[in-house]
């Protein structure tokens, strides 16, 4: 009999979903960044939940305060990918018996600072005793049907873009976990990408208002994985022409004889938005994000052929479908 360790996170989710009855009011396809149900006509109640676990989600050097803030960021990033403002947060905490009062204070402060950073509040929740620290966050908001930027609207010819560079978190985790050395002048920025990530909420809300986005996803499971996810949802493939690797990630890769493309494609926890746009509206999208201090970086285009391909040295190289996965 197959066990959880062999099934993998995504197959486990599919198995659970297969046992559930479908809500006829459900208006977001299963497996997207958020869930939503209709409420009184075309109004939507939008929900998302994500869990941070000490053993798998808190790297060395990350304080409990930073970890609790990260738990908020993880969830807000999913809302950002759909263009929805969170209006409230519920949290369930699993607290190990040996945690100190100081530790618990830091968790509370981290939850509050994360919520206030995105102009919302923690409204309540639940607490229980557990073997490992668990911070489970549920975010909710309201929207109108048709306003969400889903994963399934990309078509061949659409421009593929992102809100930022990649590779920093891969480098940062190698510094923290594998103890790899890095020059002081780039160490701070690399480590900050891991220890203090940011959700692109302003960018997501601004993108949704343009009405120009055909598909959108957050990149927390890695750029390669999220592109494969959009591709499967939209029945398209992608050609990558320009992969935006952060300068510091390039320097780190060169020093340790690593492939910067590996850092960029398979890192995860970067919380950038990855989205597709109709070519005629690309200029408008760039202008909107520039006006709020954000970026729209063109990295490729949607194609009819399924899969993900990188144009490198005049050749088309297939990019594997892999990324971060629990039980992996």
Protein backbone atom coordinates (compact mmCIF):
# COMPACT_ATOMS: atom_id res chain seq x y z
CA UNK A 1 0.00 0.00 0.00
CA UNK A 2 1.32 3.43 -0.99
CA UNK A 3 2.20 5.71 1.90
CA UNK A 4 2.28 9.49 2.19
CA UNK A 5 6.06 9.62 1.83
CA UNK A 6 5.78 7.96 -1.60
CA UNK A 7 2.69 9.78 -2.81
CA UNK A 8 3.96 13.37 -2.56
CA UNK A 9 2.10 16.50 -1.52
CA UNK A 10 0.18 17.10 -4.73
CA UNK A 11 -1.05 13.53 -5.09
CA UNK A 12 -2.19 13.58 -1.45
CA UNK A 13 -4.21 16.74 -2.16
CA UNK A 14 -5.75 15.10 -5.24
CA UNK A 15 -6.76 12.03 -3.21
CA UNK A 16 -8.46 14.19 -0.57
CA UNK A 17 -10.21 16.23 -3.27
CA UNK A 18 -11.53 13.07 -4.91
CA UNK A 19 -13.40 12.26 -1.70
CA UNK A 20 -15.17 15.63 -1.45
CA UNK A 21 -18.51 16.71 -2.87
CA UNK A 22 -18.38 19.79 -5.10
CA UNK A 23 -19.93 23.08 -4.02
CA UNK A 24 -21.97 24.29 -7.03
CA UNK A 25 -21.16 27.88 -6.01
CA UNK A 26 -17.42 27.28 -6.29
CA UNK A 27 -16.11 29.78 -8.81
CA UNK A 28 -12.33 29.17 -8.81
CA UNK A 29 -10.98 25.90 -10.27
CA UNK A 30 -9.54 23.51 -7.69
CA UNK A 31 -5.78 23.86 -7.43
CA UNK A 32 -5.56 27.60 -8.07
CA UNK A 33 -3.87 29.92 -5.55
CA UNK A 34 -7.11 30.64 -3.66
CA UNK A 35 -10.59 29.21 -3.20
CA UNK A 36 -13.81 31.15 -3.68
CA UNK A 37 -17.54 30.64 -3.39
CA UNK A 38 -20.41 32.81 -4.62
CA UNK A 39 -22.36 34.76 -2.05
CA UNK A 40 -25.50 36.68 -3.02
CA UNK A 41 -25.30 37.04 -6.77
CA UNK A 42 -21.89 37.78 -8.21
CA UNK A 43 -20.18 38.50 -4.89
CA UNK A 44 -17.37 36.11 -3.95
CA UNK A 45 -15.96 35.12 -0.60
CA UNK A 46 -12.26 34.42 -1.26
CA UNK A 47 -10.23 32.18 1.05
CA UNK A 48 -6.72 30.84 1.30
CA UNK A 49 -4.93 28.74 3.89
CA UNK A 50 -1.29 27.77 4.18
CA UNK A 51 0.71 26.17 6.96
CA UNK A 52 4.21 26.86 8.24
CA UNK A 53 5.91 23.99 10.08
CA UNK A 54 9.09 24.48 12.07
CA UNK A 55 11.02 21.49 10.74
CA UNK A 56 10.45 22.16 7.05
CA UNK A 57 9.77 25.90 6.77
CA UNK A 58 12.04 27.68 9.26
CA UNK A 59 15.67 27.85 8.05
CA UNK A 60 18.64 28.46 10.35
CA UNK A 61 18.97 32.07 11.62
CA UNK A 62 15.24 32.77 11.20
CA UNK A 63 13.71 34.04 14.45
CA UNK A 64 10.25 33.04 15.64
CA UNK A 65 9.07 36.57 14.90
CA UNK A 66 10.35 36.34 11.32
CA UNK A 67 8.82 32.88 10.95
CA UNK A 68 5.37 34.09 12.04
CA UNK A 69 5.63 37.04 9.66
CA UNK A 70 6.65 34.64 6.87
CA UNK A 71 3.50 32.59 7.53
CA UNK A 72 1.44 35.71 6.80
CA UNK A 73 3.49 36.53 3.68
CA UNK A 74 2.98 33.01 2.28
CA UNK A 75 -0.78 33.47 2.36
CA UNK A 76 -0.91 37.10 1.26
CA UNK A 77 1.21 36.19 -1.76
CA UNK A 78 -1.53 33.83 -2.97
CA UNK A 79 -4.04 36.67 -2.65
CA UNK A 80 -1.65 38.95 -4.54
CA UNK A 81 -1.55 36.46 -7.43
CA UNK A 82 -5.32 36.79 -7.78
CA UNK A 83 -5.40 40.57 -7.26
CA UNK A 84 -7.39 40.42 -4.02
CA UNK A 85 -6.95 42.55 -0.91
CA UNK A 86 -7.09 40.49 2.31
CA UNK A 87 -9.57 41.86 4.85
CA UNK A 88 -8.92 39.51 7.76
CA UNK A 89 -6.75 36.67 9.05
CA UNK A 90 -7.42 33.68 11.31
CA UNK A 91 -4.50 31.69 12.72
CA UNK A 92 -4.19 28.27 14.36
CA UNK A 93 -1.04 27.70 16.38
CA UNK A 94 0.57 24.41 17.36
CA UNK A 95 2.91 25.23 20.25
CA UNK A 96 5.51 22.75 21.57
CA UNK A 97 5.52 22.35 25.34
CA UNK A 98 9.11 23.55 25.71
CA UNK A 99 8.60 26.95 24.03
CA UNK A 100 9.28 29.90 26.31
CA UNK A 101 7.06 32.88 27.03
CA UNK A 102 9.57 35.02 25.09
CA UNK A 103 9.23 32.73 22.06
CA UNK A 104 5.43 33.03 22.14
CA UNK A 105 5.61 36.81 22.43
CA UNK A 106 7.82 36.87 19.34
CA UNK A 107 5.35 34.73 17.41
CA UNK A 108 2.53 37.11 18.32
CA UNK A 109 4.55 40.13 17.27
CA UNK A 110 5.48 38.49 13.99
CA UNK A 111 1.85 37.72 13.21
CA UNK A 112 0.87 41.30 13.96
CA UNK A 113 3.68 42.91 11.96
CA UNK A 114 2.93 40.69 8.96
CA UNK A 115 -0.77 41.49 9.04
CA UNK A 116 -0.27 45.23 9.46
CA UNK A 117 2.32 45.29 6.67
CA UNK A 118 -0.52 44.36 4.31
CA UNK A 119 -3.09 46.59 6.00
CA UNK A 120 -5.11 43.83 7.62
CA UNK A 121 -5.48 42.24 11.07
CA UNK A 122 -5.33 38.88 12.83
CA UNK A 123 -8.88 38.47 14.16
CA UNK A 124 -8.48 35.30 16.23
CA UNK A 125 -7.89 31.57 15.90
CA UNK A 126 -7.00 28.47 17.89
CA UNK A 127 -4.04 27.08 19.86
CA UNK A 128 -3.04 23.53 20.70
CA UNK A 129 -0.04 21.55 21.94
CA UNK A 130 2.08 19.95 19.22
CA UNK A 131 5.48 18.28 18.83
CA UNK A 132 6.70 20.90 16.35
CA UNK A 133 5.80 24.56 15.84
CA UNK A 134 2.86 24.94 13.46
CA UNK A 135 1.50 28.29 12.26
CA UNK A 136 -1.56 27.76 10.09
CA UNK A 137 -2.97 30.91 8.50
CA UNK A 138 -6.33 31.46 6.83
CA UNK A 139 -6.86 34.71 4.92
CA UNK A 140 -10.20 35.88 3.61
CA UNK A 141 -11.42 38.66 1.36
CA UNK A 142 -14.23 39.73 -0.96
CA UNK A 143 -14.36 40.14 -4.72
CA UNK A 144 -16.71 40.29 -7.68
CA UNK A 145 -17.02 37.30 -9.97
CA UNK A 146 -14.81 37.68 -13.02
CA UNK A 147 -12.33 39.98 -11.27
CA UNK A 148 -9.86 37.30 -10.14
CA UNK A 149 -6.69 36.66 -12.15
CA UNK A 150 -6.88 32.87 -12.49
CA UNK A 151 -4.30 30.42 -13.86
CA UNK A 152 -6.32 29.15 -16.79
CA UNK A 153 -6.63 32.07 -19.23
CA UNK A 154 -3.29 32.16 -21.06
CA UNK A 155 -3.35 31.64 -24.83
CA UNK A 156 -0.55 31.20 -27.42
CA UNK A 157 1.09 34.52 -28.20
CA UNK A 158 0.54 36.04 -24.76
CA UNK A 159 3.56 37.75 -23.21
CA UNK A 160 4.97 35.99 -20.14
CA UNK A 161 6.25 38.28 -17.40
CA UNK A 162 7.23 38.48 -13.76
CA UNK A 163 7.44 41.15 -11.07
CA UNK A 164 11.07 40.51 -10.10
CA UNK A 165 14.34 38.60 -10.28
CA UNK A 166 15.01 35.01 -9.23
CA UNK A 167 17.79 32.98 -7.66
CA UNK A 168 18.34 34.85 -4.39
CA UNK A 169 16.42 32.46 -2.16
CA UNK A 170 18.20 29.42 -3.62
CA UNK A 171 21.50 31.09 -2.85
CA UNK A 172 20.33 32.14 0.60
CA UNK A 173 19.23 28.65 1.60
CA UNK A 174 22.57 27.23 0.46
CA UNK A 175 24.33 29.78 2.67
CA UNK A 176 22.16 28.97 5.68
CA UNK A 177 21.87 25.20 5.31
CA UNK A 178 25.03 24.16 3.46
CA UNK A 179 27.20 26.87 5.10
CA UNK A 180 28.51 28.11 1.76
CA UNK A 181 30.60 31.27 1.92
CA UNK A 182 29.58 34.50 0.20
CA UNK A 183 31.29 37.90 -0.01
CA UNK A 184 29.95 40.36 2.61
CA UNK A 185 28.89 42.88 -0.03
CA UNK A 186 26.18 40.56 -1.39
CA UNK A 187 25.49 38.40 1.68
CA UNK A 188 22.96 40.79 3.24
CA UNK A 189 20.67 41.01 0.22
CA UNK A 190 20.77 37.26 -0.38
CA UNK A 191 19.94 36.39 3.23
CA UNK A 192 17.21 39.03 3.42
CA UNK A 193 15.41 37.29 0.55
CA UNK A 194 15.05 34.22 2.79
CA UNK A 195 14.64 35.80 6.22
CA UNK A 196 12.36 38.69 5.24
CA UNK A 197 10.39 37.87 2.06
CA UNK A 198 7.72 40.19 0.68
CA UNK A 199 4.41 39.47 -1.03
CA UNK A 200 3.71 41.52 -4.18
CA UNK A 201 0.26 42.58 -3.01
CA UNK A 202 0.34 46.12 -4.41
CA UNK A 203 1.45 44.79 -7.77
CA UNK A 204 -1.23 42.09 -7.81
CA UNK A 205 -4.04 44.52 -7.03
CA UNK A 206 -2.76 46.96 -9.66
CA UNK A 207 -2.48 44.21 -12.29
CA UNK A 208 -6.04 43.02 -11.63
CA UNK A 209 -7.40 46.53 -12.14
CA UNK A 210 -5.90 46.71 -15.66
CA UNK A 211 -8.08 43.83 -16.88
CA UNK A 212 -5.15 42.87 -19.11
CA UNK A 213 -3.89 39.79 -17.27
CA UNK A 214 -4.87 36.46 -18.82
CA UNK A 215 -3.26 34.21 -16.17
CA UNK A 216 -1.41 34.71 -12.90
CA UNK A 217 0.31 32.65 -10.20
CA UNK A 218 2.69 33.19 -7.29
CA UNK A 219 6.14 31.62 -7.61
CA UNK A 220 6.57 30.29 -4.07
CA UNK A 221 7.04 26.68 -5.26
CA UNK A 222 9.71 27.69 -7.79
CA UNK A 223 9.58 29.39 -11.17
CA UNK A 224 9.74 26.18 -13.21
CA UNK A 225 6.94 24.54 -11.25
CA UNK A 226 4.63 27.55 -11.38
CA UNK A 227 5.10 27.90 -15.15
CA UNK A 228 4.21 24.25 -15.63
CA UNK A 229 1.14 24.82 -13.44
CA UNK A 230 -0.07 27.77 -15.54
CA UNK A 231 0.66 25.80 -18.68
CA UNK A 232 -1.43 22.82 -17.57
CA UNK A 233 -4.30 25.03 -16.37
CA UNK A 234 -4.33 27.01 -19.64
CA UNK A 235 -3.39 24.17 -22.04
CA UNK A 236 -0.37 26.06 -23.34
CA UNK A 237 3.40 25.86 -23.11
CA UNK A 238 6.03 28.56 -22.63
CA UNK A 239 9.25 29.62 -24.26
CA UNK A 240 11.62 31.50 -21.95
CA UNK A 241 13.73 34.06 -23.77
CA UNK A 242 15.03 36.11 -20.84
CA UNK A 243 15.35 34.60 -17.37
CA UNK A 244 15.82 37.42 -14.84
CA UNK A 245 18.49 36.15 -12.46
CA UNK A 246 19.52 38.57 -9.70
CA UNK A 247 23.09 39.87 -10.00
CA UNK A 248 23.93 38.57 -6.53
CA UNK A 249 22.72 35.09 -7.48
CA UNK A 250 25.00 35.13 -10.55
CA UNK A 251 27.97 36.09 -8.38
CA UNK A 252 27.14 33.39 -5.86
CA UNK A 253 26.78 30.77 -8.59
CA UNK A 254 30.10 31.75 -10.18
CA UNK A 255 31.94 31.54 -6.84
CA UNK A 256 30.62 28.03 -6.08
CA UNK A 257 30.60 26.66 -9.64
CA UNK A 258 26.80 26.42 -9.73
CA UNK A 259 24.43 26.89 -12.66
CA UNK A 260 22.59 30.20 -12.12
CA UNK A 261 19.67 28.84 -14.14
CA UNK A 262 19.23 26.07 -11.55
CA UNK A 263 19.07 28.72 -8.84
CA UNK A 264 16.54 30.71 -10.84
CA UNK A 265 14.20 27.95 -11.97
CA UNK A 266 14.11 25.69 -8.93
CA UNK A 267 14.49 27.94 -5.88
CA UNK A 268 11.03 28.56 -4.49
CA UNK A 269 9.82 30.95 -1.79
CA UNK A 270 10.51 33.99 -3.94
CA UNK A 271 6.89 35.21 -3.86
CA UNK A 272 7.14 37.03 -7.17
CA UNK A 273 4.07 37.12 -9.41
CA UNK A 274 4.27 35.36 -12.76
CA UNK A 275 1.63 36.39 -15.29
CA UNK A 276 0.60 36.52 -18.94
CA UNK A 277 -0.59 39.56 -20.89
CA UNK A 278 -2.06 40.20 -24.31
CA UNK A 279 0.69 41.84 -26.44
CA UNK A 280 -1.40 44.92 -27.23
CA UNK A 281 -1.77 45.66 -23.50
CA UNK A 282 1.82 45.04 -22.46
CA UNK A 283 2.80 48.71 -22.51
CA UNK A 284 -0.14 49.63 -20.28
CA UNK A 285 0.77 46.92 -17.76
CA UNK A 286 4.37 48.11 -17.57
CA UNK A 287 3.22 51.66 -17.03
CA UNK A 288 0.80 50.72 -14.24
CA UNK A 289 3.44 48.79 -12.29
CA UNK A 290 6.05 51.49 -12.81
CA UNK A 291 3.68 54.08 -11.36
CA UNK A 292 3.51 52.17 -8.05
CA UNK A 293 7.25 51.47 -7.93
CA UNK A 294 6.99 47.90 -9.24
CA UNK A 295 8.44 46.02 -12.20
CA UNK A 296 7.05 44.10 -15.14
CA UNK A 297 9.86 42.02 -16.62
CA UNK A 298 9.16 40.25 -19.91
CA UNK A 299 10.66 36.74 -19.81
CA UNK A 300 9.01 34.90 -22.71
CA UNK A 301 5.75 33.98 -24.40
CA UNK A 302 3.01 31.38 -24.39
CA UNK A 303 3.11 28.78 -27.18
CA UNK A 304 0.81 26.00 -28.43
CA UNK A 305 3.25 23.18 -27.66
CA UNK A 306 2.90 21.89 -24.10
CA UNK A 307 5.94 22.14 -21.84
CA UNK A 308 8.49 24.69 -20.74
CA UNK A 309 11.45 25.55 -22.97
CA UNK A 310 14.45 27.83 -22.51
CA UNK A 311 16.17 29.43 -25.49
CA UNK A 312 19.86 29.06 -24.63
CA UNK A 313 22.76 29.60 -27.02
CA UNK A 314 20.46 29.25 -30.01
CA UNK A 315 18.93 25.99 -28.77
CA UNK A 316 15.60 25.19 -27.17
CA UNK A 317 16.20 23.33 -23.88
CA UNK A 318 13.32 21.60 -22.08
CA UNK A 319 12.97 22.65 -18.43
CA UNK A 320 11.91 19.93 -15.99
CA UNK A 321 8.71 20.09 -13.99
CA UNK A 322 10.12 20.18 -10.51
CA UNK A 323 10.13 22.47 -7.49
CA UNK A 324 9.50 22.43 -3.77
CA UNK A 325 7.06 19.77 -2.58
CA UNK A 326 6.33 18.41 0.89
CA UNK A 327 6.97 14.65 1.12
CA UNK A 328 9.35 15.12 -1.83
